[in-house]
Amino acid sequence: MENTLRCDPYNLIIAGVGGQGNVLASRVIGEMMIYQGYKVTIGETFGASQRGGSVMSHLRISNQGGFSPQMPKGTAHMVVALEPMEAIRVLAAYGNPKVNVLCNTRPIQSVGVICGEQIYPGKKQIIQWIESLSADAKFFDTTKEALNLGNPIFGNIMAVGALASTGELPMSLKVFEQVILKKIPADKVAINLNAYKIGKDMIKR
C-alpha cells in the first residue's frame, strides 16, 4: 500500500453534540481507511447527556498502528466540527498553528442559552475565533443542505464528503460506497451517497 498520509499518525478529530451523528461519521471514516489497509485507532468521549452533550471522536490513522486512542494535546492535524462552538472547545485543547478545520456554521444552543443563563456568540465572532486558532478553516452550512434532503442528520455524511474533498486523506466515492453499504439499510444508500457528493461540492464553492 502506498502511504498517502502527510503525517503518520494522522490525527483527526470529529466534534459535535449528541444527536448529530458524530459517531457514525467517525466510524465511516475509520472503516474507509481500514478498507484501504491503514490501521486506525478510535477514541470517543461523550458529554453528560446523550442528546445535546459534547461528543468528540479521535481518529489516529497510520501505516503502523499501536497508538493511544486519545491523541496528545496540541497535536490534531484536522478538526471536523458538526457544531461551531465544539470546534472552539476542541481547538483550545488539541489545536496548533498548523491545524486545519472544517466547520458547520449552524449552532445547536444548549439549555443554558435557551433559558437565558448563557450567551451563544454570534456567527462572525465564532468564525474569527476559529480562524485565529487554525492554519486554514473552511465553513459551510451542512444543516441547511441536509434539511433539503429531509433530515438534518445527513449533515454528518456531508461533513465526511467535505473532508474527502480536501485531499487530506484517501477517501474516494467508491470506497465510501463500499463502507456505507455495510453500515445502513439498502434503501438509505442512495441518499447517503448524494449527501456525500453534496459535502464534497460544498468545499469547492
C-alpha atoms as a PDB file:
ATOM      1  CA  MET A   1       0.000   0.000   0.000  1.00  0.00           C
ATOM      2  CA  GLU A   2       1.302   3.422  -0.939  1.00  0.00           C
ATOM      3  CA  ASN A   3       1.421   5.778   2.036  1.00  0.00           C
ATOM      4  CA  THR A   4      -0.580   8.887   1.162  1.00  0.00           C
ATOM      5  CA  LEU A   5      -0.611  10.268   4.722  1.00  0.00           C
ATOM      6  CA  ARG A   6       1.195  13.565   5.146  1.00  0.00           C
ATOM      7  CA  CYS A   7       1.781  12.673   8.806  1.00  0.00           C
ATOM      8  CA  ASP A   8       1.953   9.282  10.492  1.00  0.00           C
ATOM      9  CA  PRO A   9      -0.127   9.030  12.546  1.00  0.00           C
ATOM     10  CA  TYR A  10      -2.598  11.457  11.036  1.00  0.00           C
ATOM     11  CA  ASN A  11      -4.639  12.871  13.917  1.00  0.00           C
ATOM     12  CA  LEU A  12      -8.268  13.670  13.068  1.00  0.00           C
ATOM     13  CA  ILE A  13     -10.974  14.887  15.450  1.00  0.00           C
ATOM     14  CA  ILE A  14     -14.693  14.784  14.690  1.00  0.00           C
ATOM     15  CA  ALA A  15     -16.581  17.042  17.100  1.00  0.00           C
ATOM     16  CA  GLY A  16     -20.258  17.738  17.622  1.00  0.00           C
ATOM     17  CA  VAL A  17     -23.100  17.263  20.066  1.00  0.00           C
ATOM     18  CA  GLY A  18     -25.324  14.297  20.778  1.00  0.00           C
ATOM     19  CA  GLY A  19     -27.842  13.596  18.026  1.00  0.00           C
ATOM     20  CA  GLN A  20     -25.737  14.894  15.118  1.00  0.00           C
ATOM     21  CA  GLY A  21     -24.382  11.522  14.031  1.00  0.00           C
ATOM     22  CA  ASN A  22     -20.809  12.228  15.130  1.00  0.00           C
ATOM     23  CA  VAL A  23     -20.071   8.607  15.989  1.00  0.00           C
ATOM     24  CA  LEU A  24     -21.361   7.273  12.652  1.00  0.00           C
ATOM     25  CA  ALA A  25     -19.212   9.805  10.788  1.00  0.00           C
ATOM     26  CA  SER A  26     -16.096   8.768  12.678  1.00  0.00           C
ATOM     27  CA  ARG A  27     -16.802   5.067  12.151  1.00  0.00           C
ATOM     28  CA  VAL A  28     -17.382   5.567   8.430  1.00  0.00           C
ATOM     29  CA  ILE A  29     -14.098   7.460   8.025  1.00  0.00           C
ATOM     30  CA  GLY A  30     -12.262   4.878  10.103  1.00  0.00           C
ATOM     31  CA  GLU A  31     -13.617   1.982   8.074  1.00  0.00           C
ATOM     32  CA  MET A  32     -12.777   3.772   4.825  1.00  0.00           C
ATOM     33  CA  MET A  33      -9.162   3.902   5.967  1.00  0.00           C
ATOM     34  CA  ILE A  34      -9.155   0.302   7.192  1.00  0.00           C
ATOM     35  CA  TYR A  35     -10.643  -0.821   3.860  1.00  0.00           C
ATOM     36  CA  GLN A  36      -7.541   0.597   2.182  1.00  0.00           C
ATOM     37  CA  GLY A  37      -5.100  -1.102   4.534  1.00  0.00           C
ATOM     38  CA  TYR A  38      -4.442   1.604   7.112  1.00  0.00           C
ATOM     39  CA  LYS A  39      -4.500   0.967  10.851  1.00  0.00           C
ATOM     40  CA  VAL A  40      -6.975   3.128  12.742  1.00  0.00           C
ATOM     41  CA  THR A  41      -7.425   3.741  16.446  1.00  0.00           C
ATOM     42  CA  ILE A  42     -10.627   5.494  17.535  1.00  0.00           C
ATOM     43  CA  GLY A  43     -11.249   7.049  20.939  1.00  0.00           C
ATOM     44  CA  GLU A  44     -14.556   8.706  21.858  1.00  0.00           C
ATOM     45  CA  THR A  45     -15.681  10.996  24.660  1.00  0.00           C
ATOM     46  CA  PHE A  46     -19.297  11.842  25.431  1.00  0.00           C
ATOM     47  CA  GLY A  47     -20.867  14.740  27.308  1.00  0.00           C
ATOM     48  CA  ALA A  48     -23.285  14.489  30.216  1.00  0.00           C
ATOM     49  CA  SER A  49     -26.339  13.842  28.058  1.00  0.00           C
ATOM     50  CA  GLN A  50     -26.810  11.610  25.052  1.00  0.00           C
ATOM     51  CA  ARG A  51     -28.587  14.341  23.080  1.00  0.00           C
ATOM     52  CA  GLY A  52     -27.097  17.830  23.298  1.00  0.00           C
ATOM     53  CA  GLY A  53     -23.901  16.941  25.153  1.00  0.00           C
ATOM     54  CA  SER A  54     -20.465  17.250  23.583  1.00  0.00           C
ATOM     55  CA  VAL A  55     -19.284  14.277  21.545  1.00  0.00           C
ATOM     56  CA  MET A  56     -15.702  14.033  20.318  1.00  0.00           C
ATOM     57  CA  SER A  57     -14.044  11.245  18.345  1.00  0.00           C
ATOM     58  CA  HIS A  58     -10.276  10.924  17.970  1.00  0.00           C
ATOM     59  CA  LEU A  59      -9.087   9.025  14.890  1.00  0.00           C
ATOM     60  CA  ARG A  60      -5.397   8.166  14.630  1.00  0.00           C
ATOM     61  CA  ILE A  61      -4.665   6.848  11.149  1.00  0.00           C
ATOM     62  CA  SER A  62      -1.366   5.148  10.430  1.00  0.00           C
ATOM     63  CA  ASN A  63       0.567   2.539   8.500  1.00  0.00           C
ATOM     64  CA  GLN A  64       1.992   1.208  11.747  1.00  0.00           C
ATOM     65  CA  GLY A  65      -0.637   1.312  14.482  1.00  0.00           C
ATOM     66  CA  GLY A  66      -0.067   0.938  18.190  1.00  0.00           C
ATOM     67  CA  PHE A  67      -1.084   4.484  19.091  1.00  0.00           C
ATOM     68  CA  SER A  68      -3.165   5.620  22.055  1.00  0.00           C
ATOM     69  CA  PRO A  69      -6.839   6.244  21.180  1.00  0.00           C
ATOM     70  CA  GLN A  70      -6.542   9.709  22.745  1.00  0.00           C
ATOM     71  CA  MET A  71      -4.077  11.952  20.907  1.00  0.00           C
ATOM     72  CA  PRO A  72      -1.789  14.230  22.933  1.00  0.00           C
ATOM     73  CA  LYS A  73      -2.943  17.811  23.450  1.00  0.00           C
ATOM     74  CA  GLY A  74      -1.988  20.197  20.661  1.00  0.00           C
ATOM     75  CA  THR A  75      -1.414  17.520  18.007  1.00  0.00           C
ATOM     76  CA  ALA A  76      -4.552  17.499  15.807  1.00  0.00           C
ATOM     77  CA  HIS A  77      -3.969  17.773  12.059  1.00  0.00           C
ATOM     78  CA  MET A  78      -7.642  18.194  11.148  1.00  0.00           C
ATOM     79  CA  VAL A  79     -10.776  19.082  13.103  1.00  0.00           C
ATOM     80  CA  VAL A  80     -14.173  18.405  11.530  1.00  0.00           C
ATOM     81  CA  ALA A  81     -16.828  20.169  13.599  1.00  0.00           C
ATOM     82  CA  LEU A  82     -20.531  19.489  13.176  1.00  0.00           C
ATOM     83  CA  GLU A  83     -21.280  22.359  15.608  1.00  0.00           C
ATOM     84  CA  PRO A  84     -19.275  25.619  15.709  1.00  0.00           C
ATOM     85  CA  MET A  85     -18.732  26.068  19.463  1.00  0.00           C
ATOM     86  CA  GLU A  86     -17.498  22.484  19.638  1.00  0.00           C
ATOM     87  CA  ALA A  87     -14.802  23.447  17.126  1.00  0.00           C
ATOM     88  CA  ILE A  88     -13.543  26.115  19.537  1.00  0.00           C
ATOM     89  CA  ARG A  89     -13.580  23.726  22.500  1.00  0.00           C
ATOM     90  CA  VAL A  90     -11.525  21.178  20.572  1.00  0.00           C
ATOM     91  CA  LEU A  91      -9.072  23.698  19.139  1.00  0.00           C
ATOM     92  CA  ALA A  92      -8.398  25.145  22.583  1.00  0.00           C
ATOM     93  CA  ALA A  93      -7.095  21.756  23.705  1.00  0.00           C
ATOM     94  CA  TYR A  94      -5.873  19.962  20.583  1.00  0.00           C
ATOM     95  CA  GLY A  95      -5.198  22.750  18.093  1.00  0.00           C
ATOM     96  CA  ASN A  96      -1.848  24.094  16.949  1.00  0.00           C
ATOM     97  CA  PRO A  97      -0.629  26.641  14.380  1.00  0.00           C
ATOM     98  CA  LYS A  98      -0.799  24.039  11.562  1.00  0.00           C
ATOM     99  CA  VAL A  99      -4.221  22.508  12.240  1.00  0.00           C
ATOM    100  CA  ASN A 100      -6.934  22.611   9.547  1.00  0.00           C
ATOM    101  CA  VAL A 101     -10.641  22.958  10.283  1.00  0.00           C
ATOM    102  CA  LEU A 102     -13.899  22.105   8.524  1.00  0.00           C
ATOM    103  CA  CYS A 103     -16.831  23.625  10.381  1.00  0.00           C
ATOM    104  CA  ASN A 104     -20.604  23.559  10.103  1.00  0.00           C
ATOM    105  CA  THR A 105     -21.809  27.062  10.960  1.00  0.00           C
ATOM    106  CA  ARG A 106     -25.296  26.135  12.206  1.00  0.00           C
ATOM    107  CA  PRO A 107     -25.349  26.315  16.044  1.00  0.00           C
ATOM    108  CA  ILE A 108     -27.114  23.980  18.428  1.00  0.00           C
ATOM    109  CA  GLN A 109     -27.885  26.007  21.527  1.00  0.00           C
ATOM    110  CA  SER A 110     -27.538  24.467  24.969  1.00  0.00           C
ATOM    111  CA  VAL A 111     -30.276  24.522  27.592  1.00  0.00           C
ATOM    112  CA  GLY A 112     -28.391  27.323  29.355  1.00  0.00           C
ATOM    113  CA  VAL A 113     -28.574  29.508  26.248  1.00  0.00           C
ATOM    114  CA  ILE A 114     -32.238  28.701  25.651  1.00  0.00           C
ATOM    115  CA  CYS A 115     -33.053  29.620  29.268  1.00  0.00           C
ATOM    116  CA  GLY A 116     -31.137  32.876  29.042  1.00  0.00           C
ATOM    117  CA  GLU A 117     -28.442  31.851  31.536  1.00  0.00           C
ATOM    118  CA  GLN A 118     -25.697  31.814  28.890  1.00  0.00           C
ATOM    119  CA  ILE A 119     -24.975  33.718  25.693  1.00  0.00           C
ATOM    120  CA  TYR A 120     -24.125  31.996  22.425  1.00  0.00           C
ATOM    121  CA  PRO A 121     -21.588  34.081  20.435  1.00  0.00           C
ATOM    122  CA  GLY A 122     -22.536  35.447  17.029  1.00  0.00           C
ATOM    123  CA  LYS A 123     -21.511  33.695  13.813  1.00  0.00           C
ATOM    124  CA  LYS A 124     -18.966  36.377  12.874  1.00  0.00           C
ATOM    125  CA  GLN A 125     -17.258  36.150  16.260  1.00  0.00           C
ATOM    126  CA  ILE A 126     -17.099  32.351  16.139  1.00  0.00           C
ATOM    127  CA  ILE A 127     -15.552  32.373  12.666  1.00  0.00           C
ATOM    128  CA  GLN A 128     -12.929  34.887  13.802  1.00  0.00           C
ATOM    129  CA  TRP A 129     -12.026  32.724  16.796  1.00  0.00           C
ATOM    130  CA  ILE A 130     -11.743  29.554  14.728  1.00  0.00           C
ATOM    131  CA  GLU A 131      -9.608  31.281  12.101  1.00  0.00           C
ATOM    132  CA  SER A 132      -7.308  32.639  14.809  1.00  0.00           C
ATOM    133  CA  LEU A 133      -6.833  29.128  16.216  1.00  0.00           C
ATOM    134  CA  SER A 134      -6.064  27.350  12.923  1.00  0.00           C
ATOM    135  CA  ALA A 135      -3.876  27.463   9.839  1.00  0.00           C
ATOM    136  CA  ASP A 136      -6.828  27.058   7.482  1.00  0.00           C
ATOM    137  CA  ALA A 137     -10.554  26.948   8.176  1.00  0.00           C
ATOM    138  CA  LYS A 138     -13.438  26.298   5.827  1.00  0.00           C
ATOM    139  CA  PHE A 139     -17.057  26.943   6.765  1.00  0.00           C
ATOM    140  CA  PHE A 140     -20.367  25.695   5.394  1.00  0.00           C
ATOM    141  CA  ASP A 141     -23.942  25.117   6.489  1.00  0.00           C
ATOM    142  CA  THR A 142     -24.336  21.367   6.266  1.00  0.00           C
ATOM    143  CA  THR A 143     -27.514  21.574   8.345  1.00  0.00           C
ATOM    144  CA  LYS A 144     -29.252  23.675   5.690  1.00  0.00           C
ATOM    145  CA  GLU A 145     -28.208  21.308   2.914  1.00  0.00           C
ATOM    146  CA  ALA A 146     -29.208  18.273   4.995  1.00  0.00           C
ATOM    147  CA  LEU A 147     -32.658  19.730   5.643  1.00  0.00           C
ATOM    148  CA  ASN A 148     -33.063  19.991   1.881  1.00  0.00           C
ATOM    149  CA  LEU A 149     -32.628  16.213   1.822  1.00  0.00           C
ATOM    150  CA  GLY A 150     -35.281  15.839   4.501  1.00  0.00           C
ATOM    151  CA  ASN A 151     -33.285  15.294   7.702  1.00  0.00           C
ATOM    152  CA  PRO A 152     -30.525  17.304   9.468  1.00  0.00           C
ATOM    153  CA  ILE A 153     -28.745  14.058  10.363  1.00  0.00           C
ATOM    154  CA  PHE A 154     -27.367  13.880   6.820  1.00  0.00           C
ATOM    155  CA  GLY A 155     -25.046  16.722   7.804  1.00  0.00           C
ATOM    156  CA  ASN A 156     -22.654  14.148   9.267  1.00  0.00           C
ATOM    157  CA  ILE A 157     -22.228  12.396   5.906  1.00  0.00           C
ATOM    158  CA  MET A 158     -21.870  15.768   4.186  1.00  0.00           C
ATOM    159  CA  ALA A 159     -19.012  16.507   6.569  1.00  0.00           C
ATOM    160  CA  VAL A 160     -17.395  13.215   5.541  1.00  0.00           C
ATOM    161  CA  GLY A 161     -17.708  14.283   1.906  1.00  0.00           C
ATOM    162  CA  ALA A 162     -16.242  17.697   2.722  1.00  0.00           C
ATOM    163  CA  LEU A 163     -13.243  16.028   4.347  1.00  0.00           C
ATOM    164  CA  ALA A 164     -12.786  13.857   1.256  1.00  0.00           C
ATOM    165  CA  SER A 165     -12.707  16.979  -0.911  1.00  0.00           C
ATOM    166  CA  THR A 166      -9.716  18.419   0.985  1.00  0.00           C
ATOM    167  CA  GLY A 167      -7.446  15.605  -0.220  1.00  0.00           C
ATOM    168  CA  GLU A 168      -6.043  15.200   3.297  1.00  0.00           C
ATOM    169  CA  LEU A 169      -6.989  11.511   3.306  1.00  0.00           C
ATOM    170  CA  PRO A 170      -7.670   8.944   0.543  1.00  0.00           C
ATOM    171  CA  MET A 171     -11.485   8.957   0.626  1.00  0.00           C
ATOM    172  CA  SER A 172     -12.883   8.172  -2.804  1.00  0.00           C
ATOM    173  CA  LEU A 173     -16.589   7.831  -3.538  1.00  0.00           C
ATOM    174  CA  LYS A 174     -16.001   4.180  -4.459  1.00  0.00           C
ATOM    175  CA  VAL A 175     -14.530   3.378  -1.055  1.00  0.00           C
ATOM    176  CA  PHE A 176     -17.255   5.366   0.717  1.00  0.00           C
ATOM    177  CA  GLU A 177     -19.924   3.364  -1.117  1.00  0.00           C
ATOM    178  CA  GLN A 178     -18.316   0.054  -0.142  1.00  0.00           C
ATOM    179  CA  VAL A 179     -18.302   1.080   3.524  1.00  0.00           C
ATOM    180  CA  ILE A 180     -21.756   2.672   3.685  1.00  0.00           C
ATOM    181  CA  LEU A 181     -23.327  -0.440   2.137  1.00  0.00           C
ATOM    182  CA  LYS A 182     -22.326  -2.285   5.323  1.00  0.00           C
ATOM    183  CA  LYS A 183     -23.450   0.431   7.750  1.00  0.00           C
ATOM    184  CA  ILE A 184     -27.007   1.330   6.745  1.00  0.00           C
ATOM    185  CA  PRO A 185     -30.131  -0.273   5.206  1.00  0.00           C
ATOM    186  CA  ALA A 186     -30.026  -0.687   1.434  1.00  0.00           C
ATOM    187  CA  ASP A 187     -32.874   1.763   0.854  1.00  0.00           C
ATOM    188  CA  LYS A 188     -30.838   4.547   2.539  1.00  0.00           C
ATOM    189  CA  VAL A 189     -27.680   4.096   0.482  1.00  0.00           C
ATOM    190  CA  ALA A 190     -28.630   6.349  -2.431  1.00  0.00           C
ATOM    191  CA  ILE A 191     -29.487   9.349  -0.270  1.00  0.00           C
ATOM    192  CA  ASN A 192     -26.267   8.953   1.715  1.00  0.00           C
ATOM    193  CA  LEU A 193     -24.251   8.845  -1.499  1.00  0.00           C
ATOM    194  CA  ASN A 194     -25.992  12.062  -2.505  1.00  0.00           C
ATOM    195  CA  ALA A 195     -25.166  13.637   0.871  1.00  0.00           C
ATOM    196  CA  TYR A 196     -21.514  12.665   0.444  1.00  0.00           C
ATOM    197  CA  LYS A 197     -21.395  14.263  -3.010  1.00  0.00           C
ATOM    198  CA  ILE A 198     -23.069  17.444  -1.735  1.00  0.00           C
ATOM    199  CA  GLY A 199     -20.471  17.692   1.037  1.00  0.00           C
ATOM    200  CA  LYS A 200     -17.635  17.376  -1.484  1.00  0.00           C
ATOM    201  CA  ASP A 201     -19.132  20.102  -3.643  1.00  0.00           C
ATOM    202  CA  MET A 202     -19.539  22.458  -0.688  1.00  0.00           C
ATOM    203  CA  ILE A 203     -15.772  22.689  -0.274  1.00  0.00           C
ATOM    204  CA  LYS A 204     -15.297  23.530  -3.959  1.00  0.00           C
ATOM    205  CA  ARG A 205     -17.692  26.501  -3.858  1.00  0.00           C
END
